[in-house]
Amino acid sequence: MTLDRSIFLFAGIMVLVSVALTQWVSGYFVWLTVFIGANLMQSALTGACPAAFVFKKLGVKSGCAFQ
């Protein structure tokens, strides 16, 4: 799995987890969803993604989006 697909998978899982936490634990977890969305917008505008740096350190092979 490439870095690009790993990032998309991780973001999708985090959104679903935050929605579930908002529904079943506390409404304040909606701020986690907001943070994930803001991070996605920031990475689209700058090309730098904090999660991509972590995945690179873990040895995930590079894709074409986050070089």
N, C-alpha and C. Protein backbone atom coordinates (compact mmCIF):
# COMPACT_ATOMS: atom_id res chain seq x y z
N MET A 1 0.86 -1.18 0.00
CA MET A 1 0.00 0.00 0.00
C MET A 1 0.90 1.23 0.00
N THR A 2 0.58 2.18 -0.84
CA THR A 2 1.39 3.39 -0.94
C THR A 2 1.01 4.39 0.15
N LEU A 3 1.84 5.40 0.28
CA LEU A 3 1.61 6.44 1.28
C LEU A 3 0.29 7.16 1.05
N ASP A 4 -0.02 7.44 -0.20
CA ASP A 4 -1.27 8.15 -0.53
C ASP A 4 -2.49 7.37 -0.04
N ARG A 5 -2.53 6.11 -0.37
CA ARG A 5 -3.68 5.29 0.03
C ARG A 5 -3.74 5.11 1.54
N SER A 6 -2.57 5.02 2.17
CA SER A 6 -2.52 4.90 3.63
C SER A 6 -3.10 6.14 4.30
N ILE A 7 -2.77 7.31 3.76
CA ILE A 7 -3.29 8.57 4.32
C ILE A 7 -4.80 8.66 4.14
N PHE A 8 -5.29 8.31 2.95
CA PHE A 8 -6.73 8.36 2.71
C PHE A 8 -7.47 7.37 3.61
N LEU A 9 -6.91 6.17 3.78
CA LEU A 9 -7.53 5.18 4.66
C LEU A 9 -7.54 5.67 6.10
N PHE A 10 -6.42 6.20 6.57
CA PHE A 10 -6.32 6.71 7.94
C PHE A 10 -7.32 7.85 8.17
N ALA A 11 -7.41 8.78 7.22
CA ALA A 11 -8.34 9.91 7.36
C ALA A 11 -9.79 9.42 7.41
N GLY A 12 -10.13 8.48 6.55
CA GLY A 12 -11.48 7.94 6.55
C GLY A 12 -11.83 7.24 7.84
N ILE A 13 -10.90 6.44 8.36
CA ILE A 13 -11.12 5.74 9.62
C ILE A 13 -11.29 6.76 10.75
N MET A 14 -10.45 7.78 10.79
CA MET A 14 -10.53 8.78 11.85
C MET A 14 -11.86 9.54 11.80
N VAL A 15 -12.35 9.86 10.61
CA VAL A 15 -13.65 10.55 10.50
C VAL A 15 -14.76 9.65 11.03
N LEU A 16 -14.76 8.37 10.64
CA LEU A 16 -15.80 7.46 11.11
C LEU A 16 -15.73 7.25 12.62
N VAL A 17 -14.52 7.15 13.16
CA VAL A 17 -14.36 7.01 14.61
C VAL A 17 -14.87 8.25 15.33
N SER A 18 -14.53 9.43 14.81
CA SER A 18 -14.96 10.66 15.48
C SER A 18 -16.48 10.83 15.41
N VAL A 19 -17.09 10.42 14.32
CA VAL A 19 -18.55 10.49 14.22
C VAL A 19 -19.19 9.52 15.22
N ALA A 20 -18.63 8.32 15.34
CA ALA A 20 -19.15 7.35 16.30
C ALA A 20 -18.99 7.86 17.73
N LEU A 21 -17.83 8.44 18.04
CA LEU A 21 -17.62 8.99 19.39
C LEU A 21 -18.58 10.15 19.67
N THR A 22 -18.84 10.97 18.65
CA THR A 22 -19.79 12.07 18.81
C THR A 22 -21.19 11.54 19.11
N GLN A 23 -21.55 10.47 18.42
CA GLN A 23 -22.89 9.91 18.57
C GLN A 23 -23.07 9.22 19.92
N TRP A 24 -22.08 8.42 20.33
CA TRP A 24 -22.28 7.55 21.48
C TRP A 24 -21.58 7.97 22.76
N VAL A 25 -20.63 8.91 22.68
CA VAL A 25 -19.90 9.28 23.89
C VAL A 25 -20.22 10.71 24.31
N SER A 26 -19.87 11.67 23.45
CA SER A 26 -20.10 13.08 23.78
C SER A 26 -20.15 13.90 22.50
N GLY A 27 -21.02 14.87 22.50
CA GLY A 27 -21.14 15.77 21.36
C GLY A 27 -19.89 16.60 21.11
N TYR A 28 -19.04 16.70 22.12
CA TYR A 28 -17.82 17.48 21.97
C TYR A 28 -16.80 16.82 21.03
N PHE A 29 -16.98 15.53 20.74
CA PHE A 29 -16.08 14.87 19.81
C PHE A 29 -16.26 15.37 18.38
N VAL A 30 -17.29 16.19 18.14
CA VAL A 30 -17.44 16.79 16.82
C VAL A 30 -16.23 17.66 16.49
N TRP A 31 -15.56 18.17 17.52
CA TRP A 31 -14.35 18.98 17.30
C TRP A 31 -13.21 18.15 16.73
N LEU A 32 -13.19 16.86 17.00
CA LEU A 32 -12.20 15.99 16.37
C LEU A 32 -12.45 15.91 14.87
N THR A 33 -13.72 15.81 14.48
CA THR A 33 -14.07 15.80 13.07
C THR A 33 -13.68 17.11 12.41
N VAL A 34 -13.90 18.22 13.09
CA VAL A 34 -13.51 19.53 12.57
C VAL A 34 -11.99 19.60 12.40
N PHE A 35 -11.25 19.10 13.37
CA PHE A 35 -9.79 19.10 13.28
C PHE A 35 -9.31 18.26 12.10
N ILE A 36 -9.92 17.10 11.88
CA ILE A 36 -9.53 16.25 10.75
C ILE A 36 -9.80 16.96 9.43
N GLY A 37 -10.96 17.60 9.32
CA GLY A 37 -11.29 18.34 8.10
C GLY A 37 -10.33 19.49 7.86
N ALA A 38 -9.98 20.22 8.91
CA ALA A 38 -9.03 21.34 8.77
C ALA A 38 -7.66 20.82 8.36
N ASN A 39 -7.26 19.69 8.91
CA ASN A 39 -5.97 19.11 8.55
C ASN A 39 -5.97 18.66 7.09
N LEU A 40 -7.07 18.10 6.62
CA LEU A 40 -7.16 17.71 5.21
C LEU A 40 -7.08 18.92 4.28
N MET A 41 -7.74 20.01 4.67
CA MET A 41 -7.66 21.23 3.85
C MET A 41 -6.25 21.80 3.86
N GLN A 42 -5.60 21.82 5.01
CA GLN A 42 -4.24 22.32 5.11
C GLN A 42 -3.29 21.50 4.25
N SER A 43 -3.43 20.18 4.27
CA SER A 43 -2.52 19.35 3.47
C SER A 43 -2.79 19.50 1.98
N ALA A 44 -4.04 19.76 1.60
CA ALA A 44 -4.35 19.98 0.19
C ALA A 44 -3.75 21.30 -0.31
N LEU A 45 -3.73 22.32 0.55
CA LEU A 45 -3.21 23.62 0.15
C LEU A 45 -1.69 23.71 0.19
N THR A 46 -1.08 23.02 1.15
CA THR A 46 0.37 23.15 1.32
C THR A 46 1.15 21.96 0.79
N GLY A 47 0.50 20.81 0.67
CA GLY A 47 1.20 19.61 0.24
C GLY A 47 1.94 18.91 1.38
N ALA A 48 1.83 19.44 2.58
CA ALA A 48 2.48 18.85 3.74
C ALA A 48 1.43 18.26 4.67
N CYS A 49 1.59 16.99 5.00
CA CYS A 49 0.63 16.31 5.86
C CYS A 49 1.38 15.71 7.05
N PRO A 50 1.00 16.08 8.27
CA PRO A 50 1.68 15.53 9.44
C PRO A 50 1.61 14.00 9.49
N ALA A 51 0.48 13.43 9.13
CA ALA A 51 0.36 11.97 9.15
C ALA A 51 1.29 11.33 8.11
N ALA A 52 1.52 12.01 7.00
CA ALA A 52 2.43 11.48 5.98
C ALA A 52 3.85 11.37 6.51
N PHE A 53 4.26 12.34 7.32
CA PHE A 53 5.59 12.28 7.92
C PHE A 53 5.72 11.06 8.83
N VAL A 54 4.67 10.79 9.59
CA VAL A 54 4.68 9.64 10.50
C VAL A 54 4.71 8.33 9.71
N PHE A 55 3.87 8.22 8.69
CA PHE A 55 3.83 7.01 7.89
C PHE A 55 5.15 6.77 7.16
N LYS A 56 5.81 7.84 6.71
CA LYS A 56 7.12 7.70 6.07
C LYS A 56 8.13 7.13 7.05
N LYS A 57 8.10 7.63 8.29
CA LYS A 57 9.01 7.13 9.33
C LYS A 57 8.75 5.66 9.63
N LEU A 58 7.50 5.22 9.46
CA LEU A 58 7.14 3.82 9.69
C LEU A 58 7.51 2.93 8.51
N GLY A 59 7.98 3.53 7.42
CA GLY A 59 8.45 2.74 6.29
C GLY A 59 7.46 2.49 5.17
N VAL A 60 6.36 3.24 5.16
CA VAL A 60 5.39 3.08 4.06
C VAL A 60 6.00 3.70 2.81
N LYS A 61 5.95 2.96 1.69
CA LYS A 61 6.58 3.46 0.47
C LYS A 61 5.81 4.65 -0.09
N SER A 62 6.56 5.56 -0.67
CA SER A 62 6.00 6.82 -1.14
C SER A 62 5.09 6.63 -2.34
N GLY A 63 4.06 7.47 -2.40
CA GLY A 63 3.17 7.51 -3.55
C GLY A 63 3.48 8.77 -4.36
N CYS A 64 2.50 9.28 -5.08
CA CYS A 64 2.77 10.45 -5.91
C CYS A 64 2.25 11.75 -5.29
N ALA A 65 1.36 11.69 -4.31
CA ALA A 65 0.78 12.93 -3.77
C ALA A 65 1.65 13.58 -2.72
N PHE A 66 2.24 12.83 -1.83
CA PHE A 66 3.02 13.39 -0.73
C PHE A 66 4.49 13.04 -0.92
N GLN A 67 5.20 13.83 -1.69
CA GLN A 67 6.61 13.55 -2.00
C GLN A 67 7.53 14.32 -1.12
